[in-house]
Protein backbone atom coordinates (compact mmCIF):
# COMPACT_ATOMS: atom_id res chain seq x y z
CA UNK A 1 -120.91 118.29 -20.63
CA UNK A 2 -119.20 115.76 -22.58
CA UNK A 3 -115.84 113.57 -22.60
CA UNK A 4 -113.12 114.95 -24.11
CA UNK A 5 -111.61 113.22 -26.89
CA UNK A 6 -109.09 110.79 -25.86
CA UNK A 7 -106.76 111.40 -28.55
CA UNK A 8 -105.01 107.76 -30.62
CA UNK A 9 -103.93 104.67 -28.64
CA UNK A 10 -100.76 102.74 -28.16
CA UNK A 11 -100.78 99.52 -29.44
CA UNK A 12 -101.70 96.69 -26.64
CA UNK A 13 -99.41 96.34 -24.40
CA UNK A 14 -97.06 99.54 -25.15
CA UNK A 15 -97.92 101.16 -21.80
CA UNK A 16 -97.40 98.37 -20.19
CA UNK A 17 -93.66 97.92 -20.80
CA UNK A 18 -91.02 99.45 -18.36
CA UNK A 19 -88.68 101.90 -20.24
CA UNK A 20 -85.27 101.34 -19.82
CA UNK A 21 -83.38 103.62 -17.15
CA UNK A 22 -79.43 104.35 -18.31
CA UNK A 23 -76.51 104.26 -15.87
CA UNK A 24 -77.49 107.96 -13.18
CA UNK A 25 -75.02 110.29 -14.09
CA UNK A 26 -74.93 112.84 -11.43
CA UNK A 27 -75.33 113.88 -8.16
CA UNK A 28 -76.74 116.59 -6.61
CA UNK A 29 -73.90 118.79 -4.93
CA UNK A 30 -71.45 116.65 -6.47
CA UNK A 31 -69.73 118.55 -9.47
CA UNK A 32 -67.42 115.66 -11.31
CA UNK A 33 -68.55 112.31 -9.86
CA UNK A 34 -67.05 109.60 -10.54
CA UNK A 35 -69.44 107.65 -13.06
CA UNK A 36 -68.99 103.93 -12.74
CA UNK A 37 -72.51 102.77 -13.60
CA UNK A 38 -72.65 102.46 -17.51
CA UNK A 39 -69.58 100.23 -18.34
CA UNK A 40 -68.25 102.85 -20.55
CA UNK A 41 -64.20 102.78 -21.10
CA UNK A 42 -63.09 105.42 -18.24
CA UNK A 43 -60.03 105.80 -20.90
CA UNK A 44 -62.86 107.15 -23.14
CA UNK A 45 -62.35 107.22 -26.56
CA UNK A 46 -58.99 106.94 -28.07
CA UNK A 47 -56.49 109.34 -29.52
CA UNK A 48 -57.03 108.02 -33.52
CA UNK A 49 -61.38 107.97 -32.70
CA UNK A 50 -61.09 111.82 -31.68
CA UNK A 51 -58.78 112.66 -34.65
CA UNK A 52 -61.16 111.19 -37.04
CA UNK A 53 -64.62 112.66 -35.58
CA UNK A 54 -63.00 116.37 -34.75
CA UNK A 55 -61.90 115.93 -38.68
CA UNK A 56 -65.48 114.84 -39.79
CA UNK A 57 -66.56 118.31 -38.33
CA UNK A 58 -66.68 119.51 -42.42
CA UNK A 59 -68.63 116.92 -43.50
CA UNK A 60 -71.64 117.19 -41.41
CA UNK A 61 -73.89 119.12 -43.44
CA UNK A 62 -73.55 115.30 -46.24
CA UNK A 63 -75.74 112.71 -45.18
CA UNK A 64 -73.56 109.37 -44.60
CA UNK A 65 -73.19 106.82 -46.86
CA UNK A 66 -76.23 104.58 -45.83
CA UNK A 67 -74.17 101.38 -46.21
CA UNK A 68 -71.13 102.79 -44.22
CA UNK A 69 -69.20 101.33 -47.19
CA UNK A 70 -65.79 102.59 -45.50
CA UNK A 71 -66.68 100.57 -41.63
CA UNK A 72 -68.05 97.89 -43.69
CA UNK A 73 -64.73 97.17 -45.45
CA UNK A 74 -62.98 97.49 -42.15
CA UNK A 75 -65.38 95.52 -40.03
CA UNK A 76 -64.48 93.03 -42.96
CA UNK A 77 -60.75 93.16 -42.67
CA UNK A 78 -60.43 93.27 -39.13
CA UNK A 79 -62.05 89.99 -38.29
CA UNK A 80 -62.26 88.62 -41.60
CA UNK A 81 -65.47 88.53 -42.42
CA UNK A 82 -68.21 89.27 -45.66
CA UNK A 83 -68.37 92.53 -45.58
CA UNK A 84 -72.39 92.38 -47.07
CA UNK A 85 -73.55 90.29 -44.71
CA UNK A 86 -72.66 93.24 -42.08
CA UNK A 87 -75.76 94.82 -40.53
CA UNK A 88 -74.92 98.29 -39.39
CA UNK A 89 -77.11 100.63 -36.44
CA UNK A 90 -77.50 103.35 -33.71
CA UNK A 91 -75.35 101.01 -31.15
CA UNK A 92 -76.42 97.21 -30.95
CA UNK A 93 -79.26 97.78 -29.26
CA UNK A 94 -80.73 99.19 -32.89
CA UNK A 95 -79.89 95.71 -34.55
CA UNK A 96 -81.71 94.05 -31.55
CA UNK A 97 -84.87 95.88 -32.53
CA UNK A 98 -84.26 95.56 -36.36
CA UNK A 99 -84.20 92.00 -35.94
CA UNK A 100 -87.50 91.85 -33.93
CA UNK A 101 -89.44 93.84 -36.31
CA UNK A 102 -87.92 92.09 -39.43
CA UNK A 103 -88.90 88.23 -37.40
CA UNK A 104 -91.31 88.83 -34.73
CA UNK A 105 -94.81 88.97 -35.00
CA UNK A 106 -98.11 88.74 -32.30
CA UNK A 107 -98.07 85.78 -30.59
CA UNK A 108 -94.25 85.29 -31.58
CA UNK A 109 -91.08 84.92 -28.61
CA UNK A 110 -87.67 85.58 -28.19
CA UNK A 111 -86.02 83.20 -25.44
CA UNK A 112 -83.05 84.72 -23.33
CA UNK A 113 -81.50 84.46 -19.83
CA UNK A 114 -83.36 85.20 -17.17
CA UNK A 115 -80.56 88.30 -16.32
CA UNK A 116 -80.07 89.15 -20.23
CA UNK A 117 -79.96 92.39 -21.27
CA UNK A 118 -83.21 94.63 -21.19
CA UNK A 119 -83.14 95.97 -24.24
CA UNK A 120 -83.71 92.27 -26.47
CA UNK A 121 -87.37 92.64 -24.11
CA UNK A 122 -88.44 95.90 -25.17
CA UNK A 123 -88.34 96.64 -28.39
CA UNK A 124 -89.86 92.17 -28.65
CA UNK A 125 -92.54 93.56 -26.81
CA UNK A 126 -93.40 96.32 -29.01
CA UNK A 127 -93.42 94.06 -31.66
CA UNK A 128 -96.56 92.07 -29.54
CA UNK A 129 -94.16 89.25 -29.21
CA UNK A 130 -93.60 87.55 -25.37
CA UNK A 131 -90.61 87.03 -23.70
CA UNK A 132 -89.66 83.69 -22.28
CA UNK A 133 -86.74 83.99 -19.60
CA UNK A 134 -84.32 80.66 -18.80
CA UNK A 135 -84.02 80.53 -15.28
CA UNK A 136 -80.26 81.71 -14.15
CA UNK A 137 -79.77 80.15 -11.06
CA UNK A 138 -76.19 80.19 -10.81
CA UNK A 139 -76.56 83.91 -12.59
CA UNK A 140 -75.27 82.12 -15.89
CA UNK A 141 -77.26 81.21 -19.31
CA UNK A 142 -77.58 78.01 -18.97
CA UNK A 143 -78.15 75.95 -22.03
CA UNK A 144 -80.85 73.18 -21.52
CA UNK A 145 -82.68 76.03 -19.65
CA UNK A 146 -82.67 77.87 -22.87
CA UNK A 147 -84.08 74.93 -25.22
CA UNK A 148 -87.13 74.59 -22.37
CA UNK A 149 -87.94 77.57 -23.40
CA UNK A 150 -88.16 76.83 -27.29
CA UNK A 151 -91.48 76.49 -29.09
CA UNK A 152 -93.13 75.99 -32.44
CA UNK A 153 -93.73 80.29 -31.66
CA UNK A 154 -90.04 81.10 -30.91
CA UNK A 155 -87.91 83.30 -33.65
CA UNK A 156 -85.25 84.52 -31.83
CA UNK A 157 -82.95 83.21 -29.34
CA UNK A 158 -80.77 85.32 -27.22
CA UNK A 159 -77.64 84.74 -25.33
CA UNK A 160 -75.10 88.21 -24.56
CA UNK A 161 -71.67 86.79 -24.15
CA UNK A 162 -70.37 88.18 -21.73
CA UNK A 163 -73.36 89.29 -20.20
CA UNK A 164 -74.44 92.20 -18.49
CA UNK A 165 -75.52 92.49 -15.89
CA UNK A 166 -74.16 89.30 -14.12
CA UNK A 167 -70.61 89.23 -16.40
CA UNK A 168 -70.87 85.57 -16.82
CA UNK A 169 -69.77 83.82 -20.06
CA UNK A 170 -71.01 81.04 -21.92
CA UNK A 171 -68.21 78.76 -23.83
CA UNK A 172 -67.57 78.14 -26.81
CA UNK A 173 -68.80 73.90 -26.97
CA UNK A 174 -72.08 75.50 -25.33
CA UNK A 175 -72.66 78.09 -27.47
CA UNK A 176 -72.05 75.67 -30.31
CA UNK A 177 -74.60 73.03 -28.21
CA UNK A 178 -76.78 75.38 -28.13
CA UNK A 179 -76.83 76.28 -31.92
CA UNK A 180 -76.76 72.70 -32.89
CA UNK A 181 -80.30 71.96 -30.91
CA UNK A 182 -82.44 75.15 -32.02
CA UNK A 183 -85.18 74.52 -35.04
CA UNK A 184 -84.10 75.61 -38.22
CA UNK A 185 -86.31 78.56 -38.29
CA UNK A 186 -85.02 80.26 -34.86
CA UNK A 187 -82.64 83.15 -34.90
CA UNK A 188 -79.48 82.79 -32.79
CA UNK A 189 -78.06 86.04 -31.50
CA UNK A 190 -75.03 86.30 -29.87
CA UNK A 191 -74.48 89.63 -28.36
CA UNK A 192 -70.96 90.39 -27.91
CA UNK A 193 -70.26 93.62 -26.85
CA UNK A 194 -67.70 93.11 -23.87
CA UNK A 195 -65.58 90.82 -26.35
CA UNK A 196 -62.68 92.67 -26.29
CA UNK A 197 -62.24 92.07 -22.49
CA UNK A 198 -62.55 88.85 -22.15
CA UNK A 199 -59.31 86.49 -21.33
CA UNK A 200 -60.59 83.36 -20.55
CA UNK A 201 -59.55 80.42 -22.12
CA UNK A 202 -62.38 78.78 -23.01
CA UNK A 203 -64.39 81.62 -24.32
CA UNK A 204 -65.19 81.96 -28.36
CA UNK A 205 -66.23 84.56 -30.98
CA UNK A 206 -69.24 83.07 -32.58
CA UNK A 207 -68.24 84.35 -35.96
CA UNK A 208 -66.73 81.13 -36.87
CA UNK A 209 -69.74 79.35 -36.31
CA UNK A 210 -71.94 81.85 -37.74
CA UNK A 211 -69.78 81.96 -41.21
CA UNK A 212 -71.70 78.84 -42.25
CA UNK A 213 -74.55 78.90 -40.67
CA UNK A 214 -78.23 80.07 -41.43
CA UNK A 215 -79.89 81.11 -38.33
CA UNK A 216 -76.76 82.66 -36.56
CA UNK A 217 -75.99 87.10 -35.86
CA UNK A 218 -73.61 87.89 -33.69
CA UNK A 219 -73.34 91.35 -32.52
CA UNK A 220 -70.43 94.15 -31.97
CA UNK A 221 -70.54 97.39 -30.11
CA UNK A 222 -67.86 99.83 -30.33
CA UNK A 223 -69.11 101.82 -27.28
CA UNK A 224 -67.44 99.07 -24.83
CA UNK A 225 -64.11 99.36 -25.11
CA UNK A 226 -63.55 101.67 -28.17
CA UNK A 227 -64.82 104.51 -26.20
CA UNK A 228 -67.77 105.51 -28.72
CA UNK A 229 -70.40 104.73 -26.14
CA UNK A 230 -71.96 108.77 -27.41
CA UNK A 231 -71.49 108.40 -30.69
CA UNK A 232 -73.81 105.21 -30.68
CA UNK A 233 -72.04 102.42 -33.23
CA UNK A 234 -73.03 98.58 -33.48
CA UNK A 235 -72.98 96.11 -35.97
CA UNK A 236 -74.37 92.68 -36.43
CA UNK A 237 -72.83 89.45 -38.80
CA UNK A 238 -75.63 87.84 -40.47
CA UNK A 239 -76.87 85.44 -43.10
CA UNK A 240 -76.78 87.19 -45.80
CA UNK A 241 -80.47 86.52 -46.34
CA UNK A 242 -81.32 87.98 -42.85
CA UNK A 243 -78.54 90.71 -43.28
CA UNK A 244 -80.97 91.57 -46.82
CA UNK A 245 -84.32 91.34 -44.47
CA UNK A 246 -83.13 93.86 -42.22
CA UNK A 247 -81.71 96.06 -45.08
CA UNK A 248 -85.28 96.88 -46.08
CA UNK A 249 -86.51 98.53 -43.74
CA UNK A 250 -83.27 100.03 -42.17
CA UNK A 251 -83.76 103.61 -41.67
CA UNK A 252 -81.62 105.07 -44.64
CA UNK A 253 -78.88 106.79 -42.52
CA UNK A 254 -79.44 105.22 -39.30
CA UNK A 255 -75.34 105.96 -38.40
CA UNK A 256 -73.67 109.64 -38.28
CA UNK A 257 -71.17 110.86 -40.50
CA UNK A 258 -68.56 111.16 -37.45
CA UNK A 259 -69.58 107.63 -35.91
CA UNK A 260 -68.67 106.20 -38.99
CA UNK A 261 -65.27 107.47 -39.16
CA UNK A 262 -64.65 107.45 -35.57
CA UNK A 263 -65.41 103.77 -35.62
CA UNK A 264 -63.16 103.22 -39.01
CA UNK A 265 -60.48 105.05 -36.77
CA UNK A 266 -61.05 103.30 -33.31
CA UNK A 267 -60.69 99.57 -34.78
CA UNK A 268 -57.00 99.44 -35.73
CA UNK A 269 -55.82 101.64 -32.35
CA UNK A 270 -54.21 98.68 -31.30
CA UNK A 271 -52.35 100.99 -28.36
CA UNK A 272 -56.01 101.90 -26.99
CA UNK A 273 -57.65 98.34 -27.28
CA UNK A 274 -54.60 96.83 -24.78
CA UNK A 275 -54.79 99.89 -22.67
CA UNK A 276 -58.16 99.77 -22.16
CA UNK A 277 -57.45 95.85 -21.55
CA UNK A 278 -55.27 96.70 -19.38
CA UNK A 279 -56.71 98.46 -17.05
CA UNK A 280 -59.55 96.11 -16.42
CA UNK A 281 -57.19 92.90 -16.52
CA UNK A 282 -55.03 94.44 -13.94
CA UNK A 283 -57.76 95.59 -11.78
CA UNK A 284 -60.67 93.76 -11.99
CA UNK A 285 -58.81 91.05 -9.52
CA UNK A 286 -58.02 93.56 -7.38
CA UNK A 287 -61.20 95.29 -6.73
CA UNK A 288 -62.52 91.31 -6.55
CA UNK A 289 -60.30 90.30 -4.06
CA UNK A 290 -60.21 93.51 -1.95
CA UNK A 291 -64.07 93.60 -1.49
CA UNK A 292 -64.96 90.03 -1.35
CA UNK A 293 -61.89 90.80 1.61
CA UNK A 294 -64.94 92.84 3.46
CA UNK A 295 -66.74 90.03 2.91
CA UNK A 296 -69.02 90.87 0.15
CA UNK A 297 -70.00 88.38 -2.78
CA UNK A 298 -68.74 89.58 -6.11
CA UNK A 299 -69.78 87.51 -8.86
CA UNK A 300 -67.08 85.95 -11.22
CA UNK A 301 -67.01 88.58 -14.36
CA UNK A 302 -65.73 88.45 -17.83
CA UNK A 303 -66.46 91.83 -19.10
CA UNK A 304 -65.27 94.82 -17.72
CA UNK A 305 -67.31 95.45 -14.94
CA UNK A 306 -68.27 93.06 -11.62
CA UNK A 307 -71.53 92.53 -9.61
CA UNK A 308 -71.66 92.90 -6.11
CA UNK A 309 -74.35 90.76 -4.49
CA UNK A 310 -75.22 92.05 -0.84
CA UNK A 311 -77.42 90.83 2.10
CA UNK A 312 -80.31 91.93 0.83
CA UNK A 313 -81.78 94.99 -1.31
CA UNK A 314 -82.02 97.02 1.27
CA UNK A 315 -78.26 96.43 1.87
CA UNK A 316 -77.78 97.21 -1.56
CA UNK A 317 -79.80 100.69 -1.29
CA UNK A 318 -78.10 101.21 1.28
CA UNK A 319 -74.54 100.52 -0.29
CA UNK A 320 -75.56 103.00 -3.43
CA UNK A 321 -76.54 105.66 -0.67
CA UNK A 322 -73.22 105.46 0.79
CA UNK A 323 -71.19 105.47 -2.60
CA UNK A 324 -72.68 108.34 -3.64
CA UNK A 325 -72.56 110.44 -0.59
CA UNK A 326 -68.61 109.55 -1.39
CA UNK A 327 -69.49 110.78 -5.09
CA UNK A 328 -69.56 107.89 -6.69
CA UNK A 329 -72.29 106.53 -8.79
CA UNK A 330 -72.87 102.78 -9.34
CA UNK A 331 -75.49 100.77 -11.26
CA UNK A 332 -78.40 99.26 -9.14
CA UNK A 333 -79.44 96.29 -10.84
CA UNK A 334 -82.80 95.87 -9.65
CA UNK A 335 -84.70 96.08 -13.05
CA UNK A 336 -82.68 92.79 -13.90
CA UNK A 337 -84.45 91.24 -10.74
CA UNK A 338 -81.41 91.71 -8.80
CA UNK A 339 -82.37 94.39 -5.74
CA UNK A 340 -79.97 92.99 -3.93
CA UNK A 341 -77.09 93.70 -6.35
CA UNK A 342 -74.92 96.86 -7.59
CA UNK A 343 -72.54 96.64 -11.06
CA UNK A 344 -69.75 98.38 -10.85
CA UNK A 345 -67.53 99.72 -13.71
CA UNK A 346 -63.68 98.95 -13.43
CA UNK A 347 -62.41 102.35 -13.52
CA UNK A 348 -58.94 104.70 -13.58
CA UNK A 349 -56.06 103.68 -10.81
CA UNK A 350 -58.23 106.83 -8.79
CA UNK A 351 -61.14 105.29 -8.86
CA UNK A 352 -61.21 102.19 -8.26
CA UNK A 353 -59.33 102.64 -4.37
CA UNK A 354 -62.06 105.13 -4.15
CA UNK A 355 -64.47 102.55 -4.87
CA UNK A 356 -61.96 99.67 -2.22
CA UNK A 357 -62.29 102.97 0.14
CA UNK A 358 -65.47 103.64 0.56
CA UNK A 359 -66.84 99.92 0.39
CA UNK A 360 -64.59 99.33 3.54
CA UNK A 361 -66.22 101.84 5.37
CA UNK A 362 -69.78 100.71 4.49
CA UNK A 363 -68.67 97.10 5.17
CA UNK A 364 -67.68 98.23 8.75
CA UNK A 365 -70.80 99.65 9.09
């Protein structure tokens, strides 16, 4: 008896990668749970984006503009950027993957914070590169800790600013100091997915720093304040040579027709952005204060979410289960090395009050 053929084998290390697990979206027996697990905009997409999406239906039989010209010009106008230096992707996740695919070879490495976004690591490992994590003892990426991990094989340093899932952020001065100390061959990627929610006075976008730099990429997404997570649109602002290199491997039609139209409309929907920002700025401190009043540790957050740290992993798991019994879905973050914590998206008034009531009851147990 001969052994059955094994078939094709994945590249070394691929099967060792833990797949990304998105936020839970359902609870057995609950028809309409409160989904506060994915940092989505609880107001949804704005009216202008929805109208543009509906109007695009008549053209979904046509391939999209591979250069995303309409959205490219709109983003350039909105942020004062050179259109030819923009990279568009199926979410900013694809921009990270394209960067890794373009610049990493086996044996190279990326550096990111201990609790940095998992998407950076997954595609880097897929390129047979190593991932070097800088310690974050204060739940924040530290400049010196990041620099200490950089070596001659480092190709990319990733910084989430603000950071998911911790909610911490780095000041403009810290980002400038990090960039100034990096070797010229290392690309600094500043992921600003939550930029539109930031109100802290010492936070700065890295767009101006990137304008005259040969090794900075700044990324943004339409999934957060614009409420277009389901359409998967993100972009990066990169040095021209980087953008041109990535364009050689980017799939030709990686962003959809409805996505391009909705994102273009959303970009200038100031009323929706203001309402979304105000919801978070009004309720984040109220939710934080209430939960701290119950004796819970809530980390300061510059995003549209808070990270609640419990007294151990078992207590966090119990809190998560209790919230589920109340029809509330939040995000356990054990995959980030934080099994003792839960991430909670800022929701609508009713949703936030439900979280407060549930955790008040749980804290008393």
